[in-house]
Amino acid sequence: MEIPKQQSQDKVGDDLLIGAEAIGGELGMSPSEVYYAFRKKKWPIGKYGSQLIASKSKLRRAARTITETT
């Protein structure tokens, strides 16, 4: 009898968003709005070469911070 393998854990690459379109899809924004947010440093968005990059978990954490009420 074969022992079932554990479910694969999330990989680092599963958290990575590459490109303004992918980041915008996560945030509900257009690519031009993503570029604006990057230039104004409104979201944790970085750049790798010519591509914008972001982490889903960091974007969600930032969104929680923005929407929290004190």
Protein backbone atom coordinates (compact mmCIF):
# COMPACT_ATOMS: atom_id res chain seq x y z
CA MET A 1 0.00 0.00 0.00
CA GLU A 2 1.36 3.40 -1.00
CA ILE A 3 1.50 6.18 1.57
CA PRO A 4 -0.29 9.29 0.28
CA LYS A 5 1.94 12.31 -0.23
CA GLN A 6 1.31 15.46 1.77
CA GLN A 7 -0.41 18.24 -0.08
CA SER A 8 2.17 20.49 -1.67
CA GLN A 9 2.67 23.69 0.25
CA ASP A 10 2.45 27.06 -1.44
CA LYS A 11 5.57 27.81 -3.40
CA VAL A 12 7.23 31.21 -3.39
CA GLY A 13 6.43 31.58 -7.10
CA ASP A 14 2.72 31.13 -6.37
CA ASP A 15 2.80 34.40 -4.41
CA LEU A 16 4.58 36.41 -7.12
CA LEU A 17 2.74 38.67 -9.54
CA ILE A 18 4.64 39.80 -12.62
CA GLY A 19 3.43 42.68 -14.74
CA ALA A 20 1.00 45.55 -14.28
CA GLU A 21 -1.88 43.49 -15.67
CA ALA A 22 -1.41 40.67 -13.12
CA ILE A 23 -1.00 43.12 -10.24
CA GLY A 24 -4.03 45.07 -11.40
CA GLY A 25 -6.06 41.88 -11.51
CA GLU A 26 -5.23 41.25 -7.87
CA LEU A 27 -6.05 44.83 -6.83
CA GLY A 28 -8.98 45.47 -9.16
CA MET A 29 -7.07 48.22 -10.96
CA SER A 30 -6.16 48.96 -14.56
CA PRO A 31 -2.49 48.63 -15.60
CA SER A 32 -2.19 52.44 -15.83
CA GLU A 33 -3.50 52.76 -12.26
CA VAL A 34 -0.91 50.19 -11.15
CA TYR A 35 1.89 52.22 -12.77
CA TYR A 36 0.59 55.35 -11.04
CA ALA A 37 0.48 53.54 -7.67
CA PHE A 38 4.05 52.31 -8.27
CA ARG A 39 5.33 55.81 -9.08
CA LYS A 40 3.62 57.29 -6.01
CA LYS A 41 4.70 54.33 -3.79
CA LYS A 42 1.10 53.79 -2.68
CA TRP A 43 1.40 49.96 -2.75
CA PRO A 44 4.28 47.52 -2.15
CA ILE A 45 5.13 47.16 -5.83
CA GLY A 46 8.68 46.75 -7.07
CA LYS A 47 10.44 46.52 -10.37
CA TYR A 48 12.55 43.72 -11.83
CA GLY A 49 14.12 44.82 -15.07
CA SER A 50 11.32 46.35 -17.08
CA GLN A 51 8.54 44.43 -15.29
CA LEU A 52 6.59 45.49 -12.23
CA ILE A 53 6.45 42.79 -9.58
CA ALA A 54 4.52 42.34 -6.35
CA SER A 55 3.76 39.74 -3.73
CA LYS A 56 0.12 38.75 -3.27
CA SER A 57 0.61 38.40 0.48
CA LYS A 58 2.21 41.85 0.81
CA LEU A 59 -0.53 43.46 -1.28
CA ARG A 60 -3.21 41.81 0.88
CA ARG A 61 -1.43 42.92 4.06
CA ALA A 62 -1.26 46.49 2.75
CA ALA A 63 -4.95 46.39 1.84
CA ARG A 64 -5.83 45.20 5.37
CA THR A 65 -3.76 48.04 6.83
CA ILE A 66 -5.55 50.60 4.65
CA THR A 67 -9.02 49.29 5.48
CA GLU A 68 -8.51 48.78 9.23
CA THR A 69 -10.37 51.16 11.47
CA THR A 70 -8.86 52.33 14.71
